[in-house]
Amino acid sequence: MSEKIQSIRGMNDLLPEESGLWQKVEQILRSSLNGYGYQEIRMPIVEKTDLFKRSIGEVTDIVEKEMYTFEDRNGDNLTLRPEGTAGCVRAVIENGLLRGQAQRLWYTGPMFRHERPQRGRYRQFHQFGVEVFGLEGPDVDAELIAISARIWKQLGIKEVTLQLNTLGSTDSRALYREKLVAYFKQHLDQLDEDSLRRLESNPLRILDSKNSDMAALIAAAPVLEDSLDEADRAHFEQLKASLDQMGISYEINPRLVRGLDYYGRTVFEWVTTLLGAQGTICAGGRYDGLVDQIGGKATPAVGFAMGLERLVELMKEQDDFEYAAAPDAYLVLAGEQAATAGLALAEQLRSALPELQLVTNLGGGSFKAQFKRADRSAARFALVVGDDELEQGTMTVKDLKGELEQQTLSIQGVVDLLSSYN
């Protein structure tokens, strides 16, 4: 007997019992973004490795430790995408989408990072991302936050908190960087290995350290707000005013820096306490320098991304969560002639009700066996067609929840009944 082949650690199968919930989440995300006038873009899963080194930053955990990188048959160095923003920027530059016009885009699909699998955090994970190019004001930052807030309402997610910060412009960050490096150099003996390595290359990332031994040191570090110029302050104040007008509450988190090098000015995260250590379910911000960094003309840009695994987990944690993926009806075929005509009858119903979810009994079976299958399917109704019903052009409708009396109806009567529950 051959050795059983199993899935790769951290890369999971999505089974039918959960796929309906995923489809519901994806449908809400798509309709939300379409409702704001955003358009879908689809990018390849594999990109040149240099794209991520140049965009994410070589001194980041993602590039240093987590990327799935390989050399293909042509000797090119390629990487399975660890996030979506860099590929989206590459796509809009390459396809000329930034020529004198703003772009409001969304995408979804699998991403890959070689990290320790945890609840809601896997080596292959699915991300929904939104990117806007060509708009530099705080109004678009506010709209993206409003979109994410509306998504929580539509998904029924309640226990989330918006954390907000500004990283300022390049000049403001350069000034702040000097202050931060000077501060941490006074406390070299308290820095861990990662922080010592980042001290010269990317000191802001030290603020994002999860090392509890450094918490007090980081809490006492200079804050970026003291280094902001007048334009940075105005941008942030206008953003907060817009959120206040929309009734979107937030917390200012001066230590929120995000894990990618390309962010500047607005950064934000939606966090929850329901998922343990992996509390961030949506994160984003402004990255005005990235288009130029990747080879395009300097263009303002802002976006966010959310992990679908965490969204699904969070929905299940809500007190009032209820979801069952079940068909509307199960077609029971009793008799030879009915079995022969069953597929045609099912197609007739589907044509009359395009949204109908109907399971047709296949493979024969006794009347009792078919009803057991109908019960297992969790369908609301069993539609019974025997040879007598076939001859009379009727169906017997049995409510498997027991709320309606059993009745025999014409085909049109069945369509009318199902449409009122569909």
Protein backbone atom coordinates (compact mmCIF):
# COMPACT_ATOMS: atom_id res chain seq x y z
CA MET A 1 0.00 0.00 0.00
CA SER A 2 1.39 3.40 -1.00
CA GLU A 3 2.12 5.99 1.66
CA LYS A 4 -0.78 8.39 2.15
CA ILE A 5 -0.06 11.89 0.81
CA GLN A 6 -1.31 14.70 3.04
CA SER A 7 -1.67 18.44 2.55
CA ILE A 8 1.25 20.74 3.29
CA ARG A 9 1.29 22.10 6.84
CA GLY A 10 -0.55 25.40 7.01
CA MET A 11 -2.29 24.87 3.65
CA ASN A 12 -5.81 23.69 4.31
CA ASP A 13 -8.71 22.20 2.40
CA LEU A 14 -11.96 24.16 2.41
CA LEU A 15 -14.68 21.55 2.78
CA PRO A 16 -18.24 21.79 1.43
CA GLU A 17 -19.76 22.31 4.88
CA GLU A 18 -17.89 25.64 5.17
CA SER A 19 -17.74 26.75 1.54
CA GLY A 20 -21.24 28.25 1.71
CA LEU A 21 -20.17 30.58 4.53
CA TRP A 22 -17.09 31.60 2.55
CA GLN A 23 -19.25 32.32 -0.49
CA LYS A 24 -21.52 34.49 1.65
CA VAL A 25 -18.55 36.49 2.97
CA GLU A 26 -17.05 36.89 -0.50
CA GLN A 27 -20.40 37.96 -1.97
CA ILE A 28 -20.84 40.66 0.70
CA LEU A 29 -17.30 41.95 0.12
CA ARG A 30 -17.77 42.10 -3.64
CA SER A 31 -21.16 43.79 -3.50
CA SER A 32 -19.89 46.30 -0.91
CA LEU A 33 -17.00 47.45 -3.10
CA ASN A 34 -19.09 47.44 -6.26
CA GLY A 35 -21.59 49.62 -4.40
CA TYR A 36 -18.90 52.26 -3.92
CA GLY A 37 -17.91 52.19 -7.61
CA TYR A 38 -14.73 50.12 -7.16
CA GLN A 39 -13.71 47.64 -9.87
CA GLU A 40 -12.13 44.19 -9.67
CA ILE A 41 -8.57 43.50 -10.84
CA ARG A 42 -6.94 40.04 -10.94
CA MET A 43 -3.17 39.56 -10.72
CA PRO A 44 -0.92 36.48 -11.03
CA ILE A 45 -0.12 34.44 -7.95
CA VAL A 46 3.59 34.36 -8.91
CA GLU A 47 5.68 37.52 -9.34
CA LYS A 48 9.37 38.33 -9.68
CA THR A 49 11.05 38.23 -6.28
CA ASP A 50 12.56 41.69 -6.75
CA LEU A 51 9.06 43.17 -6.76
CA PHE A 52 8.56 42.24 -3.12
CA LYS A 53 12.12 43.06 -2.07
CA ARG A 54 11.72 46.53 -3.56
CA SER A 55 8.21 47.18 -2.21
CA ILE A 56 7.89 45.40 1.14
CA GLY A 57 11.51 46.04 2.12
CA GLU A 58 14.42 43.63 2.41
CA VAL A 59 14.71 44.15 6.18
CA THR A 60 11.24 42.78 7.00
CA ASP A 61 10.16 39.42 8.37
CA ILE A 62 8.16 38.73 5.21
CA VAL A 63 11.11 39.07 2.82
CA GLU A 64 13.76 37.71 5.19
CA LYS A 65 11.92 34.69 6.58
CA GLU A 66 8.47 34.04 5.14
CA MET A 67 8.41 34.19 1.34
CA TYR A 68 8.08 31.08 -0.84
CA THR A 69 10.84 31.84 -3.36
CA PHE A 70 12.22 29.57 -6.07
CA GLU A 71 14.17 29.59 -9.32
CA ASP A 72 12.20 28.49 -12.39
CA ARG A 73 13.49 26.60 -15.43
CA ASN A 74 14.65 29.83 -17.06
CA GLY A 75 16.72 30.74 -14.02
CA ASP A 76 14.35 33.56 -13.00
CA ASN A 77 13.90 34.18 -9.27
CA LEU A 78 10.15 34.02 -8.56
CA THR A 79 7.98 34.24 -5.44
CA LEU A 80 4.46 33.17 -4.51
CA ARG A 81 2.83 36.48 -3.58
CA PRO A 82 2.90 37.13 0.20
CA GLU A 83 0.49 40.09 -0.13
CA GLY A 84 -1.48 41.84 -2.87
CA THR A 85 -0.51 45.52 -2.91
CA ALA A 86 2.85 45.17 -4.67
CA GLY A 87 1.38 43.05 -7.48
CA CYS A 88 -1.51 45.49 -7.90
CA VAL A 89 0.90 48.43 -8.18
CA ARG A 90 2.98 46.50 -10.72
CA ALA A 91 -0.19 45.73 -12.72
CA VAL A 92 -1.48 49.32 -12.89
CA ILE A 93 1.95 50.61 -13.93
CA GLU A 94 2.51 47.91 -16.55
CA ASN A 95 -0.96 48.30 -18.06
CA GLY A 96 -0.99 52.10 -18.14
CA LEU A 97 -3.90 52.52 -15.74
CA LEU A 98 -2.40 55.57 -14.02
CA ARG A 99 -2.34 57.90 -17.01
CA GLY A 100 -4.23 60.96 -15.81
CA GLN A 101 -6.99 59.11 -13.97
CA ALA A 102 -7.77 57.81 -10.52
CA GLN A 103 -8.27 54.07 -10.04
CA ARG A 104 -10.44 52.46 -7.39
CA LEU A 105 -9.71 48.72 -7.37
CA TRP A 106 -10.33 45.55 -5.36
CA TYR A 107 -9.02 41.97 -5.61
CA THR A 108 -9.17 38.70 -3.78
CA GLY A 109 -7.25 35.43 -3.79
CA PRO A 110 -4.68 33.23 -2.05
CA MET A 111 -1.42 34.59 -0.57
CA PHE A 112 1.52 32.61 0.81
CA ARG A 113 3.81 33.09 3.82
CA HIS A 114 5.99 30.47 5.51
CA GLU A 115 5.16 31.24 9.13
CA ARG A 116 3.98 29.25 12.12
CA PRO A 117 0.35 28.24 11.50
CA GLN A 118 -2.09 29.53 14.12
CA ARG A 119 -5.83 29.95 14.36
CA GLY A 120 -6.90 32.14 11.43
CA ARG A 121 -3.29 32.46 10.21
CA TYR A 122 -2.00 29.92 7.71
CA ARG A 123 0.76 29.46 5.14
CA GLN A 124 -1.76 29.69 2.34
CA PHE A 125 -4.33 32.28 3.32
CA HIS A 126 -6.94 34.26 1.42
CA GLN A 127 -6.95 38.02 1.31
CA PHE A 128 -9.40 40.65 0.14
CA GLY A 129 -7.67 43.88 -0.82
CA VAL A 130 -8.67 47.37 -1.90
CA GLU A 131 -6.35 49.93 -3.51
CA VAL A 132 -6.95 53.53 -4.69
CA PHE A 133 -4.48 55.39 -6.91
CA GLY A 134 -4.35 59.07 -7.86
CA LEU A 135 -6.16 60.65 -4.89
CA GLU A 136 -4.06 62.32 -2.19
CA GLY A 137 -6.57 63.88 0.19
CA PRO A 138 -7.74 62.48 3.53
CA ASP A 139 -11.26 62.06 2.09
CA VAL A 140 -10.30 58.83 0.31
CA ASP A 141 -8.61 57.55 3.47
CA ALA A 142 -11.89 58.18 5.28
CA GLU A 143 -13.94 56.46 2.57
CA LEU A 144 -11.84 53.29 2.80
CA ILE A 145 -12.36 53.20 6.55
CA ALA A 146 -16.09 53.77 6.00
CA ILE A 147 -16.20 50.87 3.53
CA SER A 148 -14.57 48.54 6.05
CA ALA A 149 -16.95 49.73 8.79
CA ARG A 150 -19.95 49.01 6.53
CA ILE A 151 -18.59 45.54 5.77
CA TRP A 152 -18.59 44.70 9.51
CA LYS A 153 -22.25 45.70 9.71
CA GLN A 154 -23.20 43.62 6.68
CA LEU A 155 -21.32 40.59 8.04
CA GLY A 156 -22.87 41.01 11.48
CA ILE A 157 -19.46 41.53 13.12
CA LYS A 158 -19.69 43.73 16.21
CA GLU A 159 -16.71 43.37 18.53
CA VAL A 160 -14.07 45.25 16.54
CA THR A 161 -12.15 48.44 17.29
CA LEU A 162 -10.54 50.86 14.85
CA GLN A 163 -6.97 51.90 15.71
CA LEU A 164 -5.59 54.91 13.85
CA ASN A 165 -2.23 56.64 13.48
CA THR A 166 -0.23 58.78 11.10
CA LEU A 167 3.35 58.05 10.05
CA GLY A 168 3.77 61.48 8.46
CA SER A 169 5.55 62.30 5.23
CA THR A 170 9.00 61.07 4.24
CA ASP A 171 10.60 64.23 5.70
CA SER A 172 8.70 63.91 8.98
CA ARG A 173 9.69 60.26 9.30
CA ALA A 174 13.34 61.09 8.58
CA LEU A 175 13.33 63.59 11.45
CA TYR A 176 11.57 61.12 13.73
CA ARG A 177 13.94 58.35 12.70
CA GLU A 178 16.90 60.36 13.97
CA LYS A 179 15.21 60.86 17.36
CA LEU A 180 14.25 57.18 17.58
CA VAL A 181 17.73 55.89 16.72
CA ALA A 182 19.31 58.24 19.25
CA TYR A 183 16.86 57.03 21.93
CA PHE A 184 17.37 53.31 21.30
CA LYS A 185 21.17 53.71 21.14
CA GLN A 186 20.99 54.85 24.76
CA HIS A 187 19.41 51.48 25.63
CA LEU A 188 21.26 48.99 23.43
CA ASP A 189 21.47 46.50 26.30
CA GLN A 190 17.65 46.23 26.33
CA LEU A 191 17.21 45.57 22.60
CA ASP A 192 16.72 42.02 21.34
CA GLU A 193 18.54 40.61 18.32
CA ASP A 194 15.87 41.63 15.79
CA SER A 195 15.73 45.18 17.13
CA LEU A 196 19.51 45.57 17.06
CA ARG A 197 19.49 44.48 13.44
CA ARG A 198 16.72 46.95 12.57
CA LEU A 199 18.18 49.88 14.47
CA GLU A 200 19.95 51.34 11.43
CA SER A 201 17.89 49.85 8.59
CA ASN A 202 14.29 50.30 9.83
CA PRO A 203 14.03 51.57 13.43
CA LEU A 204 10.26 52.23 13.21
CA ARG A 205 9.72 48.47 13.04
CA ILE A 206 11.15 48.20 16.57
CA LEU A 207 7.94 49.90 17.76
CA ASP A 208 5.99 46.94 16.38
CA SER A 209 8.00 44.39 18.40
CA LYS A 210 5.98 41.71 20.19
CA ASN A 211 8.76 41.13 22.74
CA SER A 212 7.11 41.79 26.11
CA ASP A 213 10.52 42.41 27.71
CA MET A 214 10.84 45.55 25.58
CA ALA A 215 7.31 46.88 26.20
CA ALA A 216 8.32 49.50 28.78
CA LEU A 217 11.27 50.67 26.65
CA ILE A 218 9.04 51.08 23.59
CA ALA A 219 6.30 52.83 25.60
CA ALA A 220 8.82 55.49 26.68
CA ALA A 221 10.20 56.07 23.16
CA PRO A 222 9.65 59.40 21.35
CA VAL A 223 6.33 59.66 19.51
CA LEU A 224 6.12 60.47 15.82
CA GLU A 225 3.41 63.09 16.39
CA ASP A 226 6.04 65.47 17.76
CA SER A 227 7.88 65.34 14.41
CA LEU A 228 4.92 65.96 12.09
CA ASP A 229 4.97 69.00 9.82
CA GLU A 230 1.95 71.27 9.32
CA ALA A 231 0.68 69.44 6.20
CA ASP A 232 0.86 66.05 7.94
CA ARG A 233 -1.09 67.39 10.92
CA ALA A 234 -3.74 68.94 8.68
CA HIS A 235 -4.18 65.67 6.76
CA PHE A 236 -4.64 63.69 9.96
CA GLU A 237 -7.01 66.24 11.55
CA GLN A 238 -9.22 66.27 8.43
CA LEU A 239 -9.32 62.46 8.42
CA LYS A 240 -10.42 62.39 12.07
CA ALA A 241 -13.05 65.07 11.39
CA SER A 242 -14.51 62.99 8.54
CA LEU A 243 -14.69 59.88 10.73
CA ASP A 244 -16.35 61.91 13.48
CA GLN A 245 -18.95 63.19 11.00
CA MET A 246 -19.75 59.62 9.93
CA GLY A 247 -20.00 58.42 13.51
CA ILE A 248 -17.07 56.00 13.15
CA SER A 249 -15.30 55.73 16.50
CA TYR A 250 -11.54 55.14 16.72
CA GLU A 251 -8.60 54.96 19.07
CA ILE A 252 -5.33 56.76 18.36
CA ASN A 253 -2.44 54.29 18.65
CA PRO A 254 0.89 56.15 18.34
CA ARG A 255 2.77 52.80 18.18
CA LEU A 256 0.87 51.57 15.14
CA VAL A 257 3.46 51.43 12.34
CA ARG A 258 2.31 48.45 10.19
CA GLY A 259 4.71 45.72 9.07
CA LEU A 260 5.55 46.97 5.57
CA ASP A 261 8.08 49.63 4.64
CA TYR A 262 5.96 51.44 2.07
CA TYR A 263 3.41 53.09 4.39
CA GLY A 264 3.32 56.86 5.12
CA ARG A 265 0.79 59.22 6.70
CA THR A 266 -2.48 57.36 7.46
CA VAL A 267 -2.26 53.83 8.88
CA PHE A 268 -5.12 51.94 10.50
CA GLU A 269 -6.10 48.53 11.83
CA TRP A 270 -9.39 46.95 12.87
CA VAL A 271 -8.71 44.69 15.85
CA THR A 272 -10.68 42.26 18.00
CA THR A 273 -10.06 40.41 21.24
CA LEU A 274 -12.03 37.33 20.12
CA LEU A 275 -9.28 35.63 18.11
CA GLY A 276 -6.50 35.42 20.66
CA ALA A 277 -3.08 36.72 19.63
CA GLN A 278 -4.15 37.22 16.01
CA GLY A 279 -6.36 40.22 16.76
CA THR A 280 -5.98 42.24 13.54
CA ILE A 281 -8.67 41.46 10.96
CA CYS A 282 -8.19 44.39 8.58
CA ALA A 283 -5.24 46.73 8.09
CA GLY A 284 -4.14 49.39 5.67
CA GLY A 285 -2.99 52.90 5.07
CA ARG A 286 -1.40 55.33 2.67
CA TYR A 287 1.67 54.46 0.56
CA ASP A 288 2.28 57.47 -1.67
CA GLY A 289 5.89 56.52 -2.43
CA LEU A 290 5.37 52.93 -3.60
CA VAL A 291 4.39 53.53 -7.25
CA ASP A 292 7.57 55.52 -7.82
CA GLN A 293 9.58 52.91 -5.88
CA ILE A 294 8.39 50.15 -8.23
CA GLY A 295 9.15 52.13 -11.39
CA GLY A 296 6.09 54.24 -12.14
CA LYS A 297 5.44 57.95 -11.98
CA ALA A 298 4.99 59.23 -8.41
CA THR A 299 1.31 58.67 -7.57
CA PRO A 300 -0.62 58.99 -4.29
CA ALA A 301 -2.08 55.67 -3.17
CA VAL A 302 -3.95 54.15 -0.24
CA GLY A 303 -5.54 50.78 0.49
CA PHE A 304 -6.41 48.04 2.95
CA ALA A 305 -6.51 44.24 3.13
CA MET A 306 -8.37 41.72 5.25
CA GLY A 307 -7.75 38.01 5.76
CA LEU A 308 -10.80 35.91 4.94
CA GLU A 309 -9.87 33.07 7.32
CA ARG A 310 -9.96 35.51 10.23
CA LEU A 311 -13.25 37.04 9.05
CA VAL A 312 -14.88 33.61 8.93
CA GLU A 313 -13.50 32.73 12.38
CA LEU A 314 -14.71 36.04 13.79
CA MET A 315 -18.21 35.57 12.39
CA LYS A 316 -18.42 32.22 14.17
CA GLU A 317 -17.45 33.90 17.46
CA GLN A 318 -20.39 36.33 17.40
CA ASP A 319 -23.07 35.49 19.98
CA ASP A 320 -25.88 35.56 17.44
CA PHE A 321 -24.03 33.69 14.68
CA GLU A 322 -26.26 31.36 12.73
CA TYR A 323 -25.43 29.96 9.35
CA ALA A 324 -26.52 26.84 7.54
CA ALA A 325 -25.75 26.18 3.90
CA ALA A 326 -28.73 24.20 2.73
CA PRO A 327 -30.71 23.82 -0.49
CA ASP A 328 -34.25 25.16 -0.79
CA ALA A 329 -35.75 21.88 -1.93
CA TYR A 330 -35.06 18.19 -2.58
CA LEU A 331 -36.83 16.49 -5.52
CA VAL A 332 -38.06 12.99 -4.57
CA LEU A 333 -38.86 10.77 -7.57
CA ALA A 334 -41.15 7.80 -6.83
CA GLY A 335 -41.72 5.47 -9.75
CA GLU A 336 -40.03 4.57 -13.03
CA GLN A 337 -41.66 7.23 -15.17
CA ALA A 338 -41.06 9.93 -12.56
CA ALA A 339 -37.39 8.94 -12.29
CA THR A 340 -37.04 9.24 -16.07
CA ALA A 341 -38.72 12.67 -16.13
CA GLY A 342 -37.00 13.97 -12.98
CA LEU A 343 -34.11 15.86 -14.55
CA ALA A 344 -36.44 17.64 -17.00
CA LEU A 345 -38.77 18.67 -14.17
CA ALA A 346 -35.83 19.98 -12.15
CA GLU A 347 -34.62 22.04 -15.11
CA GLN A 348 -38.14 23.46 -15.54
CA LEU A 349 -38.14 24.64 -11.91
CA ARG A 350 -34.64 26.12 -12.17
CA SER A 351 -35.63 28.04 -15.32
CA ALA A 352 -38.65 29.48 -13.53
CA LEU A 353 -36.63 30.33 -10.39
CA PRO A 354 -32.97 31.11 -11.33
CA GLU A 355 -31.99 31.56 -7.63
CA LEU A 356 -33.51 28.25 -6.57
CA GLN A 357 -31.17 25.76 -4.87
CA LEU A 358 -32.64 22.39 -5.79
CA VAL A 359 -31.15 18.92 -5.26
CA THR A 360 -32.53 16.18 -7.53
CA ASN A 361 -32.49 12.61 -6.23
CA LEU A 362 -30.06 10.61 -8.34
CA GLY A 363 -29.17 6.93 -8.20
CA GLY A 364 -32.67 5.65 -7.45
CA GLY A 365 -33.65 4.38 -4.02
CA SER A 366 -36.87 3.62 -2.19
CA PHE A 367 -39.30 6.32 -1.17
CA LYS A 368 -38.08 6.04 2.44
CA ALA A 369 -34.41 6.19 1.42
CA GLN A 370 -35.02 9.29 -0.67
CA PHE A 371 -36.71 11.07 2.22
CA LYS A 372 -33.73 10.25 4.43
CA ARG A 373 -31.50 11.88 1.84
CA ALA A 374 -33.82 14.91 1.77
CA ASP A 375 -33.57 15.21 5.57
CA ARG A 376 -29.77 14.91 5.48
CA SER A 377 -29.58 17.66 2.84
CA ALA A 378 -31.26 20.06 5.34
CA ALA A 379 -33.56 21.28 2.54
CA ARG A 380 -36.64 23.22 3.59
CA PHE A 381 -39.00 21.38 1.24
CA ALA A 382 -39.31 17.91 -0.27
CA LEU A 383 -40.96 17.98 -3.71
CA VAL A 384 -42.48 14.58 -4.42
CA VAL A 385 -43.26 13.41 -7.94
CA GLY A 386 -44.75 9.95 -8.46
CA ASP A 387 -46.21 8.50 -11.63
CA ASP A 388 -49.68 9.84 -10.69
CA GLU A 389 -48.37 13.38 -10.11
CA LEU A 390 -46.44 13.17 -13.36
CA GLU A 391 -49.57 12.29 -15.25
CA GLN A 392 -51.55 15.13 -13.63
CA GLY A 393 -48.74 17.75 -13.91
CA THR A 394 -48.55 18.25 -10.14
CA MET A 395 -46.09 17.89 -7.24
CA THR A 396 -46.63 17.10 -3.58
CA VAL A 397 -44.86 19.62 -1.36
CA LYS A 398 -43.81 18.55 2.14
CA ASP A 399 -42.37 21.15 4.52
CA LEU A 400 -39.48 19.35 6.23
CA LYS A 401 -39.60 21.91 9.07
CA GLY A 402 -43.21 20.95 9.72
CA GLU A 403 -44.53 24.52 9.64
CA LEU A 404 -46.82 24.09 6.60
CA GLU A 405 -49.31 21.38 5.84
CA GLN A 406 -48.48 18.97 3.04
CA GLN A 407 -50.16 19.99 -0.21
CA THR A 408 -50.35 18.96 -3.85
CA LEU A 409 -49.86 21.82 -6.31
CA SER A 410 -49.50 22.48 -10.00
CA ILE A 411 -45.98 23.18 -11.25
CA GLN A 412 -46.82 26.89 -11.29
CA GLY A 413 -48.18 26.60 -7.75
CA VAL A 414 -44.90 25.06 -6.64
CA VAL A 415 -42.98 27.89 -8.33
CA ASP A 416 -45.15 30.47 -6.56
CA LEU A 417 -44.67 28.77 -3.18
CA LEU A 418 -40.90 28.44 -3.53
CA SER A 419 -40.52 32.01 -4.77
CA SER A 420 -42.11 33.29 -1.54
CA TYR A 421 -39.39 31.51 0.49
CA ASN A 422 -36.45 32.08 -1.87
